[in-house]
Amino acid sequence: MDLNNSAHQKTLGDGNIGFCGYVLLFFSWIIFFAFLPISVCAAIHVVHDYQRCVVFRLGRAKRAASGPGLIFTLPCADQCTMVDLRIKSFDIPPQEILSKDSVTVAVDAVIYCYVYDPVMSVCNIEDAFGSTRLLAATTLRTVLGTKNLAGMLSEREAISKEMQQILDESTDPWGIKVERVEIKDVRLPKQLQRAMAAEAEASREANAKVIAAQGEQKASAALRDAAKVMADTPAAVQLRYLQTLNSIAAEKNSTIIFPLPMELLTGISRD
């Protein structure tokens, strides 16, 4: 509030129009009454609910904006400037930014802002919204220049809040309130995209090989335990053998491999 009051005092001055100013006002009133009722059409203005009218009397801005509704201005002495209070959105053009880890990326964003003080937005700066847009582009480059690539991709919300705070503080003397800042897209170079894709694919293949090796290890342990059980129980080998034949026959194969016990072959060779 103190900043706003000081800005108003710096812009508006003491409001004293002097002796010549009062003389001009006197003649303006004479002209107004002389050309009635035509002068009424030039003196009455309609201000919409989303607008405010900044009135300059003899070049000096009044301390408060007028509106909404009907307002009266004195011809030849007052000049009106309409200010739109609605929220406006601006696209920040893609900015080529060198990150903290020396990676060049193209980043674009969008900002939402509105005028909260019409008098300051007219008197303190020529083009409030245009200047806010240029400042947002500069702030985007400054903030993202301190981040690495991983931070840009994973900390978008924190970056947006940081930019909003910086812009809000910078545009406060202009009568502009930055409502929101959003990072739209972070575009990487084609070569970097291919390198990251190859790295991700290699990482997935390595993980797949580790999982397959772990599966083989568990399967080997299970087969070892099964072999010990079958060695202790010879009938289990025959049951497993019959189960295997049943599985083969269920698939309607025309060829069935019939294994012979090794003990039988050993006995024949001895004979």
C-alpha atoms as a PDB file:
ATOM      1  CA  MET A   1       0.000   0.000   0.000  1.00  0.00           C
ATOM      2  CA  ASP A   2       2.813   2.400   0.774  1.00  0.00           C
ATOM      3  CA  LEU A   3       4.363   1.657  -2.602  1.00  0.00           C
ATOM      4  CA  ASN A   4       1.076   2.363  -4.359  1.00  0.00           C
ATOM      5  CA  ASN A   5       0.547   5.623  -2.476  1.00  0.00           C
ATOM      6  CA  SER A   6       4.062   6.829  -3.253  1.00  0.00           C
ATOM      7  CA  ALA A   7       3.567   5.932  -6.922  1.00  0.00           C
ATOM      8  CA  HIS A   8       0.313   7.910  -6.972  1.00  0.00           C
ATOM      9  CA  GLN A   9       1.965  10.921  -5.361  1.00  0.00           C
ATOM     10  CA  LYS A  10       4.877  10.756  -7.764  1.00  0.00           C
ATOM     11  CA  THR A  11       2.534  10.568 -10.757  1.00  0.00           C
ATOM     12  CA  LEU A  12      -0.320  12.858  -9.797  1.00  0.00           C
ATOM     13  CA  GLY A  13       1.511  15.587  -7.953  1.00  0.00           C
ATOM     14  CA  ASP A  14      -0.357  17.980  -5.661  1.00  0.00           C
ATOM     15  CA  GLY A  15      -3.350  18.533  -7.980  1.00  0.00           C
ATOM     16  CA  ASN A  16      -2.997  22.354  -8.007  1.00  0.00           C
ATOM     17  CA  ILE A  17      -3.904  23.672 -11.462  1.00  0.00           C
ATOM     18  CA  GLY A  18      -2.977  27.289 -10.687  1.00  0.00           C
ATOM     19  CA  PHE A  19      -4.668  30.555 -11.638  1.00  0.00           C
ATOM     20  CA  CYS A  20      -4.536  29.922 -15.382  1.00  0.00           C
ATOM     21  CA  GLY A  21      -6.120  26.546 -14.860  1.00  0.00           C
ATOM     22  CA  TYR A  22      -9.098  28.030 -13.086  1.00  0.00           C
ATOM     23  CA  VAL A  23      -9.479  30.612 -15.849  1.00  0.00           C
ATOM     24  CA  LEU A  24      -9.549  27.827 -18.465  1.00  0.00           C
ATOM     25  CA  LEU A  25     -12.118  25.938 -16.420  1.00  0.00           C
ATOM     26  CA  PHE A  26     -14.277  29.057 -16.260  1.00  0.00           C
ATOM     27  CA  PHE A  27     -14.230  29.439 -20.047  1.00  0.00           C
ATOM     28  CA  SER A  28     -14.903  25.694 -20.471  1.00  0.00           C
ATOM     29  CA  TRP A  29     -18.061  26.020 -18.404  1.00  0.00           C
ATOM     30  CA  ILE A  30     -19.109  29.019 -20.518  1.00  0.00           C
ATOM     31  CA  ILE A  31     -18.624  26.994 -23.707  1.00  0.00           C
ATOM     32  CA  PHE A  32     -20.528  24.086 -22.183  1.00  0.00           C
ATOM     33  CA  PHE A  33     -23.597  26.198 -21.347  1.00  0.00           C
ATOM     34  CA  ALA A  34     -23.373  28.116 -24.609  1.00  0.00           C
ATOM     35  CA  PHE A  35     -23.728  25.009 -26.744  1.00  0.00           C
ATOM     36  CA  LEU A  36     -26.410  23.235 -24.726  1.00  0.00           C
ATOM     37  CA  PRO A  37     -27.824  20.656 -25.391  1.00  0.00           C
ATOM     38  CA  ILE A  38     -25.186  19.604 -27.950  1.00  0.00           C
ATOM     39  CA  SER A  39     -22.397  19.833 -25.382  1.00  0.00           C
ATOM     40  CA  VAL A  40     -24.177  17.295 -23.168  1.00  0.00           C
ATOM     41  CA  CYS A  41     -23.595  14.579 -25.775  1.00  0.00           C
ATOM     42  CA  ALA A  42     -19.856  15.248 -25.655  1.00  0.00           C
ATOM     43  CA  ALA A  43     -19.745  15.525 -21.864  1.00  0.00           C
ATOM     44  CA  ILE A  44     -21.467  12.255 -20.904  1.00  0.00           C
ATOM     45  CA  HIS A  45     -19.673   8.927 -21.346  1.00  0.00           C
ATOM     46  CA  VAL A  46     -20.761   5.345 -20.707  1.00  0.00           C
ATOM     47  CA  VAL A  47     -18.257   3.187 -18.828  1.00  0.00           C
ATOM     48  CA  HIS A  48     -18.866  -0.573 -18.881  1.00  0.00           C
ATOM     49  CA  ASP A  49     -18.654  -2.727 -15.788  1.00  0.00           C
ATOM     50  CA  TYR A  50     -15.304  -4.186 -16.896  1.00  0.00           C
ATOM     51  CA  GLN A  51     -13.834  -0.745 -17.645  1.00  0.00           C
ATOM     52  CA  ARG A  52     -12.617   2.283 -15.748  1.00  0.00           C
ATOM     53  CA  CYS A  53     -12.132   5.795 -17.067  1.00  0.00           C
ATOM     54  CA  VAL A  54      -9.002   7.763 -16.188  1.00  0.00           C
ATOM     55  CA  VAL A  55      -9.860  11.464 -16.448  1.00  0.00           C
ATOM     56  CA  PHE A  56      -7.195  14.079 -17.114  1.00  0.00           C
ATOM     57  CA  ARG A  57      -8.273  17.621 -16.240  1.00  0.00           C
ATOM     58  CA  LEU A  58      -5.981  20.141 -17.887  1.00  0.00           C
ATOM     59  CA  GLY A  59      -3.392  17.400 -18.232  1.00  0.00           C
ATOM     60  CA  ARG A  60      -3.501  16.295 -14.596  1.00  0.00           C
ATOM     61  CA  ALA A  61      -4.913  12.855 -13.793  1.00  0.00           C
ATOM     62  CA  LYS A  62      -7.509  12.550 -11.096  1.00  0.00           C
ATOM     63  CA  ARG A  63      -6.550  10.399  -8.154  1.00  0.00           C
ATOM     64  CA  ALA A  64      -9.299   7.813  -8.738  1.00  0.00           C
ATOM     65  CA  ALA A  65     -10.642   6.283 -11.918  1.00  0.00           C
ATOM     66  CA  SER A  66     -14.314   6.815 -12.760  1.00  0.00           C
ATOM     67  CA  GLY A  67     -16.940   4.194 -13.509  1.00  0.00           C
ATOM     68  CA  PRO A  68     -18.742   2.023 -14.150  1.00  0.00           C
ATOM     69  CA  GLY A  69     -21.894   3.773 -15.376  1.00  0.00           C
ATOM     70  CA  LEU A  70     -22.422   7.304 -16.706  1.00  0.00           C
ATOM     71  CA  ILE A  71     -19.685   9.866 -16.058  1.00  0.00           C
ATOM     72  CA  PHE A  72     -19.557  13.574 -16.792  1.00  0.00           C
ATOM     73  CA  THR A  73     -16.527  15.312 -18.277  1.00  0.00           C
ATOM     74  CA  LEU A  74     -16.053  18.956 -19.054  1.00  0.00           C
ATOM     75  CA  PRO A  75     -15.448  19.627 -22.763  1.00  0.00           C
ATOM     76  CA  CYS A  76     -12.153  21.302 -23.687  1.00  0.00           C
ATOM     77  CA  ALA A  77     -10.821  20.663 -20.169  1.00  0.00           C
ATOM     78  CA  ASP A  78     -11.129  16.928 -19.546  1.00  0.00           C
ATOM     79  CA  GLN A  79      -9.664  14.051 -21.518  1.00  0.00           C
ATOM     80  CA  CYS A  80     -10.750  10.422 -20.965  1.00  0.00           C
ATOM     81  CA  THR A  81      -8.744   7.219 -21.298  1.00  0.00           C
ATOM     82  CA  MET A  82     -10.614   3.907 -21.016  1.00  0.00           C
ATOM     83  CA  VAL A  83      -8.835   1.020 -19.285  1.00  0.00           C
ATOM     84  CA  ASP A  84      -9.942  -2.616 -19.601  1.00  0.00           C
ATOM     85  CA  LEU A  85      -9.873  -4.512 -16.285  1.00  0.00           C
ATOM     86  CA  ARG A  86     -10.436  -7.995 -17.711  1.00  0.00           C
ATOM     87  CA  ILE A  87      -7.760 -10.681 -17.481  1.00  0.00           C
ATOM     88  CA  LYS A  88      -5.641 -10.924 -20.615  1.00  0.00           C
ATOM     89  CA  SER A  89      -3.437 -13.777 -21.734  1.00  0.00           C
ATOM     90  CA  PHE A  90      -0.168 -13.438 -23.627  1.00  0.00           C
ATOM     91  CA  ASP A  91       1.972 -16.083 -25.281  1.00  0.00           C
ATOM     92  CA  ILE A  92       5.675 -15.773 -24.619  1.00  0.00           C
ATOM     93  CA  PRO A  93       7.505 -16.639 -27.867  1.00  0.00           C
ATOM     94  CA  PRO A  94       9.821 -19.682 -27.693  1.00  0.00           C
ATOM     95  CA  GLN A  95      13.067 -18.709 -26.023  1.00  0.00           C
ATOM     96  CA  GLU A  96      16.384 -20.424 -26.801  1.00  0.00           C
ATOM     97  CA  ILE A  97      17.807 -21.023 -23.318  1.00  0.00           C
ATOM     98  CA  LEU A  98      21.128 -22.534 -22.257  1.00  0.00           C
ATOM     99  CA  SER A  99      20.499 -24.565 -19.117  1.00  0.00           C
ATOM    100  CA  LYS A 100      22.822 -24.891 -16.150  1.00  0.00           C
ATOM    101  CA  ASP A 101      24.183 -28.196 -17.493  1.00  0.00           C
ATOM    102  CA  SER A 102      24.935 -26.631 -20.933  1.00  0.00           C
ATOM    103  CA  VAL A 103      21.899 -27.975 -22.817  1.00  0.00           C
ATOM    104  CA  THR A 104      20.139 -25.695 -25.302  1.00  0.00           C
ATOM    105  CA  VAL A 105      16.334 -25.937 -25.115  1.00  0.00           C
ATOM    106  CA  ALA A 106      13.424 -23.928 -26.533  1.00  0.00           C
ATOM    107  CA  VAL A 107      10.838 -22.992 -23.905  1.00  0.00           C
ATOM    108  CA  ASP A 108       7.584 -21.076 -24.340  1.00  0.00           C
ATOM    109  CA  ALA A 109       5.027 -20.031 -21.748  1.00  0.00           C
ATOM    110  CA  VAL A 110       1.769 -18.123 -21.257  1.00  0.00           C
ATOM    111  CA  ILE A 111       0.945 -15.428 -18.698  1.00  0.00           C
ATOM    112  CA  TYR A 112      -2.389 -14.158 -17.376  1.00  0.00           C
ATOM    113  CA  CYS A 113      -2.551 -10.621 -15.985  1.00  0.00           C
ATOM    114  CA  TYR A 114      -4.973  -7.765 -15.411  1.00  0.00           C
ATOM    115  CA  VAL A 115      -5.005  -4.096 -14.417  1.00  0.00           C
ATOM    116  CA  TYR A 116      -5.723  -3.512 -10.731  1.00  0.00           C
ATOM    117  CA  ASP A 117      -4.943   0.243 -10.736  1.00  0.00           C
ATOM    118  CA  PRO A 118      -6.050   2.050 -13.927  1.00  0.00           C
ATOM    119  CA  VAL A 119      -4.406   5.367 -13.004  1.00  0.00           C
ATOM    120  CA  MET A 120      -0.983   3.797 -12.482  1.00  0.00           C
ATOM    121  CA  SER A 121      -1.253   1.704 -15.669  1.00  0.00           C
ATOM    122  CA  VAL A 122      -1.890   4.862 -17.717  1.00  0.00           C
ATOM    123  CA  CYS A 123       0.405   7.356 -15.997  1.00  0.00           C
ATOM    124  CA  ASN A 124       3.410   5.238 -15.024  1.00  0.00           C
ATOM    125  CA  ILE A 125       4.038   3.370 -18.287  1.00  0.00           C
ATOM    126  CA  GLU A 126       3.150   3.799 -21.935  1.00  0.00           C
ATOM    127  CA  ASP A 127       2.116   0.212 -22.775  1.00  0.00           C
ATOM    128  CA  ALA A 128       1.495  -1.773 -19.603  1.00  0.00           C
ATOM    129  CA  PHE A 129       0.577  -5.111 -21.196  1.00  0.00           C
ATOM    130  CA  GLY A 130       3.265  -4.936 -23.876  1.00  0.00           C
ATOM    131  CA  SER A 131       5.931  -4.168 -21.291  1.00  0.00           C
ATOM    132  CA  THR A 132       4.687  -7.021 -19.103  1.00  0.00           C
ATOM    133  CA  ARG A 133       5.007  -9.405 -22.025  1.00  0.00           C
ATOM    134  CA  LEU A 134       8.594  -8.328 -22.753  1.00  0.00           C
ATOM    135  CA  LEU A 135       9.495  -8.553 -19.078  1.00  0.00           C
ATOM    136  CA  ALA A 136       8.007 -12.055 -18.908  1.00  0.00           C
ATOM    137  CA  ALA A 137      10.225 -13.215 -21.799  1.00  0.00           C
ATOM    138  CA  THR A 138      13.314 -11.836 -20.069  1.00  0.00           C
ATOM    139  CA  THR A 139      12.312 -13.348 -16.731  1.00  0.00           C
ATOM    140  CA  LEU A 140      11.762 -16.741 -18.383  1.00  0.00           C
ATOM    141  CA  ARG A 141      15.305 -16.744 -19.734  1.00  0.00           C
ATOM    142  CA  THR A 142      16.747 -15.593 -16.410  1.00  0.00           C
ATOM    143  CA  VAL A 143      14.929 -18.155 -14.260  1.00  0.00           C
ATOM    144  CA  LEU A 144      15.451 -21.162 -16.538  1.00  0.00           C
ATOM    145  CA  GLY A 145      19.116 -20.263 -17.022  1.00  0.00           C
ATOM    146  CA  THR A 146      19.697 -21.287 -13.385  1.00  0.00           C
ATOM    147  CA  LYS A 147      18.029 -24.707 -13.818  1.00  0.00           C
ATOM    148  CA  ASN A 148      19.368 -27.920 -15.278  1.00  0.00           C
ATOM    149  CA  LEU A 149      17.487 -29.953 -17.862  1.00  0.00           C
ATOM    150  CA  ALA A 150      16.021 -32.392 -15.329  1.00  0.00           C
ATOM    151  CA  GLY A 151      14.755 -29.486 -13.226  1.00  0.00           C
ATOM    152  CA  MET A 152      13.061 -27.872 -16.230  1.00  0.00           C
ATOM    153  CA  LEU A 153      11.187 -31.067 -17.008  1.00  0.00           C
ATOM    154  CA  SER A 154      10.194 -32.042 -13.453  1.00  0.00           C
ATOM    155  CA  GLU A 155       9.786 -28.711 -11.638  1.00  0.00           C
ATOM    156  CA  ARG A 156       7.465 -26.784 -13.931  1.00  0.00           C
ATOM    157  CA  GLU A 157       5.061 -25.814 -11.163  1.00  0.00           C
ATOM    158  CA  ALA A 158       7.843 -24.418  -8.957  1.00  0.00           C
ATOM    159  CA  ILE A 159       9.321 -22.504 -11.909  1.00  0.00           C
ATOM    160  CA  SER A 160       5.902 -21.034 -12.738  1.00  0.00           C
ATOM    161  CA  LYS A 161       5.399 -19.835  -9.160  1.00  0.00           C
ATOM    162  CA  GLU A 162       8.868 -18.303  -9.058  1.00  0.00           C
ATOM    163  CA  MET A 163       8.249 -16.440 -12.322  1.00  0.00           C
ATOM    164  CA  GLN A 164       4.856 -15.240 -11.109  1.00  0.00           C
ATOM    165  CA  GLN A 165       6.367 -13.820  -7.927  1.00  0.00           C
ATOM    166  CA  ILE A 166       9.139 -12.002  -9.805  1.00  0.00           C
ATOM    167  CA  LEU A 167       6.758 -10.568 -12.411  1.00  0.00           C
ATOM    168  CA  ASP A 168       4.197  -9.542  -9.813  1.00  0.00           C
ATOM    169  CA  GLU A 169       6.771  -7.564  -7.860  1.00  0.00           C
ATOM    170  CA  SER A 170       8.183  -5.935 -11.011  1.00  0.00           C
ATOM    171  CA  THR A 171       4.827  -4.915 -12.508  1.00  0.00           C
ATOM    172  CA  ASP A 172       3.280  -3.637  -9.271  1.00  0.00           C
ATOM    173  CA  PRO A 173       4.305   0.008  -9.961  1.00  0.00           C
ATOM    174  CA  TRP A 174       2.636  -0.299 -13.370  1.00  0.00           C
ATOM    175  CA  GLY A 175      -0.748  -1.216 -11.865  1.00  0.00           C
ATOM    176  CA  ILE A 176      -0.537  -4.750 -13.307  1.00  0.00           C
ATOM    177  CA  LYS A 177      -1.300  -7.922 -11.360  1.00  0.00           C
ATOM    178  CA  VAL A 178       0.144 -11.172 -12.751  1.00  0.00           C
ATOM    179  CA  GLU A 179      -2.492 -13.778 -12.064  1.00  0.00           C
ATOM    180  CA  ARG A 180      -0.754 -16.890 -13.383  1.00  0.00           C
ATOM    181  CA  VAL A 181       2.259 -18.131 -15.339  1.00  0.00           C
ATOM    182  CA  GLU A 182       2.353 -21.514 -17.061  1.00  0.00           C
ATOM    183  CA  ILE A 183       5.203 -23.276 -18.876  1.00  0.00           C
ATOM    184  CA  LYS A 184       3.697 -24.618 -22.099  1.00  0.00           C
ATOM    185  CA  ASP A 185       6.423 -26.725 -23.660  1.00  0.00           C
ATOM    186  CA  VAL A 186      10.108 -27.566 -23.337  1.00  0.00           C
ATOM    187  CA  ARG A 187      11.470 -28.612 -26.722  1.00  0.00           C
ATOM    188  CA  LEU A 188      14.766 -30.463 -26.934  1.00  0.00           C
ATOM    189  CA  PRO A 189      17.096 -30.647 -29.954  1.00  0.00           C
ATOM    190  CA  LYS A 190      16.588 -33.649 -32.251  1.00  0.00           C
ATOM    191  CA  GLN A 191      20.033 -35.066 -31.535  1.00  0.00           C
ATOM    192  CA  LEU A 192      19.458 -34.855 -27.797  1.00  0.00           C
ATOM    193  CA  GLN A 193      16.066 -36.547 -28.166  1.00  0.00           C
ATOM    194  CA  ARG A 194      17.651 -39.449 -30.067  1.00  0.00           C
ATOM    195  CA  ALA A 195      20.434 -39.740 -27.479  1.00  0.00           C
ATOM    196  CA  MET A 196      17.951 -39.773 -24.593  1.00  0.00           C
ATOM    197  CA  ALA A 197      15.781 -42.347 -26.398  1.00  0.00           C
ATOM    198  CA  ALA A 198      18.807 -44.598 -26.976  1.00  0.00           C
ATOM    199  CA  GLU A 199      19.820 -44.243 -23.338  1.00  0.00           C
ATOM    200  CA  ALA A 200      16.314 -45.120 -22.158  1.00  0.00           C
ATOM    201  CA  GLU A 201      16.160 -48.140 -24.504  1.00  0.00           C
ATOM    202  CA  ALA A 202      19.548 -49.396 -23.277  1.00  0.00           C
ATOM    203  CA  SER A 203      18.398 -48.995 -19.680  1.00  0.00           C
ATOM    204  CA  ARG A 204      15.229 -50.997 -20.394  1.00  0.00           C
ATOM    205  CA  GLU A 205      17.193 -53.772 -22.101  1.00  0.00           C
ATOM    206  CA  ALA A 206      19.608 -53.945 -19.169  1.00  0.00           C
ATOM    207  CA  ASN A 207      16.716 -54.221 -16.727  1.00  0.00           C
ATOM    208  CA  ALA A 208      15.119 -56.938 -18.866  1.00  0.00           C
ATOM    209  CA  LYS A 209      18.334 -58.955 -18.870  1.00  0.00           C
ATOM    210  CA  VAL A 210      18.652 -58.642 -15.097  1.00  0.00           C
ATOM    211  CA  ILE A 211      15.064 -59.813 -14.619  1.00  0.00           C
ATOM    212  CA  ALA A 212      15.605 -62.750 -17.017  1.00  0.00           C
ATOM    213  CA  ALA A 213      18.784 -63.744 -15.167  1.00  0.00           C
ATOM    214  CA  GLN A 214      16.976 -63.620 -11.842  1.00  0.00           C
ATOM    215  CA  GLY A 215      14.217 -65.797 -13.308  1.00  0.00           C
ATOM    216  CA  GLU A 216      16.769 -68.331 -14.558  1.00  0.00           C
ATOM    217  CA  GLN A 217      18.386 -68.397 -11.138  1.00  0.00           C
ATOM    218  CA  LYS A 218      15.091 -69.076  -9.400  1.00  0.00           C
ATOM    219  CA  ALA A 219      14.166 -71.730 -11.994  1.00  0.00           C
ATOM    220  CA  SER A 220      17.535 -73.488 -11.517  1.00  0.00           C
ATOM    221  CA  ALA A 221      17.019 -73.568  -7.760  1.00  0.00           C
ATOM    222  CA  ALA A 222      13.534 -75.021  -8.224  1.00  0.00           C
ATOM    223  CA  LEU A 223      14.846 -77.703 -10.622  1.00  0.00           C
ATOM    224  CA  ARG A 224      17.597 -78.597  -8.156  1.00  0.00           C
ATOM    225  CA  ASP A 225      15.045 -79.067  -5.377  1.00  0.00           C
ATOM    226  CA  ALA A 226      12.836 -81.125  -7.701  1.00  0.00           C
ATOM    227  CA  ALA A 227      15.766 -83.356  -8.682  1.00  0.00           C
ATOM    228  CA  LYS A 228      16.530 -84.034  -5.028  1.00  0.00           C
ATOM    229  CA  VAL A 229      12.904 -85.030  -4.377  1.00  0.00           C
ATOM    230  CA  MET A 230      12.816 -87.312  -7.422  1.00  0.00           C
ATOM    231  CA  ALA A 231      16.131 -88.913  -6.423  1.00  0.00           C
ATOM    232  CA  ASP A 232      14.671 -89.863  -3.059  1.00  0.00           C
ATOM    233  CA  THR A 233      11.420 -91.149  -4.619  1.00  0.00           C
ATOM    234  CA  PRO A 234      11.933 -93.195  -7.821  1.00  0.00           C
ATOM    235  CA  ALA A 235       8.174 -93.439  -8.404  1.00  0.00           C
ATOM    236  CA  ALA A 236       8.040 -89.662  -8.863  1.00  0.00           C
ATOM    237  CA  VAL A 237      10.176 -89.993 -11.997  1.00  0.00           C
ATOM    238  CA  GLN A 238       7.690 -92.404 -13.533  1.00  0.00           C
ATOM    239  CA  LEU A 239       4.751 -90.152 -12.632  1.00  0.00           C
ATOM    240  CA  ARG A 240       6.484 -87.176 -14.190  1.00  0.00           C
ATOM    241  CA  TYR A 241       7.239 -89.281 -17.263  1.00  0.00           C
ATOM    242  CA  LEU A 242       3.579 -90.267 -17.652  1.00  0.00           C
ATOM    243  CA  GLN A 243       2.468 -86.671 -17.142  1.00  0.00           C
ATOM    244  CA  THR A 244       4.797 -85.535 -19.914  1.00  0.00           C
ATOM    245  CA  LEU A 245       3.401 -88.157 -22.308  1.00  0.00           C
ATOM    246  CA  ASN A 246      -0.131 -87.052 -21.455  1.00  0.00           C
ATOM    247  CA  SER A 247       0.763 -83.433 -22.258  1.00  0.00           C
ATOM    248  CA  ILE A 248       2.305 -84.384 -25.577  1.00  0.00           C
ATOM    249  CA  ALA A 249      -0.699 -86.514 -26.567  1.00  0.00           C
ATOM    250  CA  ALA A 250      -3.114 -83.693 -25.728  1.00  0.00           C
ATOM    251  CA  GLU A 251      -1.530 -81.496 -28.398  1.00  0.00           C
ATOM    252  CA  LYS A 252      -2.446 -84.033 -31.146  1.00  0.00           C
ATOM    253  CA  ASN A 253       1.109 -84.448 -32.376  1.00  0.00           C
ATOM    254  CA  SER A 254       1.814 -87.099 -35.013  1.00  0.00           C
ATOM    255  CA  THR A 255       5.293 -87.832 -33.624  1.00  0.00           C
ATOM    256  CA  ILE A 256       5.955 -88.786 -30.030  1.00  0.00           C
ATOM    257  CA  ILE A 257       9.495 -89.223 -28.736  1.00  0.00           C
ATOM    258  CA  PHE A 258       9.551 -92.203 -26.380  1.00  0.00           C
ATOM    259  CA  PRO A 259      12.569 -92.035 -24.032  1.00  0.00           C
ATOM    260  CA  LEU A 260      14.149 -95.279 -22.781  1.00  0.00           C
ATOM    261  CA  PRO A 261      15.463 -95.635 -19.252  1.00  0.00           C
ATOM    262  CA  MET A 262      19.245 -95.520 -19.036  1.00  0.00           C
ATOM    263  CA  GLU A 263      19.252 -98.597 -16.770  1.00  0.00           C
ATOM    264  CA  LEU A 264      17.756-100.688 -19.573  1.00  0.00           C
ATOM    265  CA  LEU A 265      20.453 -99.642 -22.036  1.00  0.00           C
ATOM    266  CA  THR A 266      23.138-100.338 -19.448  1.00  0.00           C
ATOM    267  CA  GLY A 267      21.828-103.849 -18.890  1.00  0.00           C
ATOM    268  CA  ILE A 268      21.718-104.600 -22.636  1.00  0.00           C
ATOM    269  CA  SER A 269      25.277-103.419 -23.141  1.00  0.00           C
ATOM    270  CA  ARG A 270      26.503-105.689 -20.335  1.00  0.00           C
ATOM    271  CA  ASP A 271      24.845-108.687 -21.901  1.00  0.00           C
END
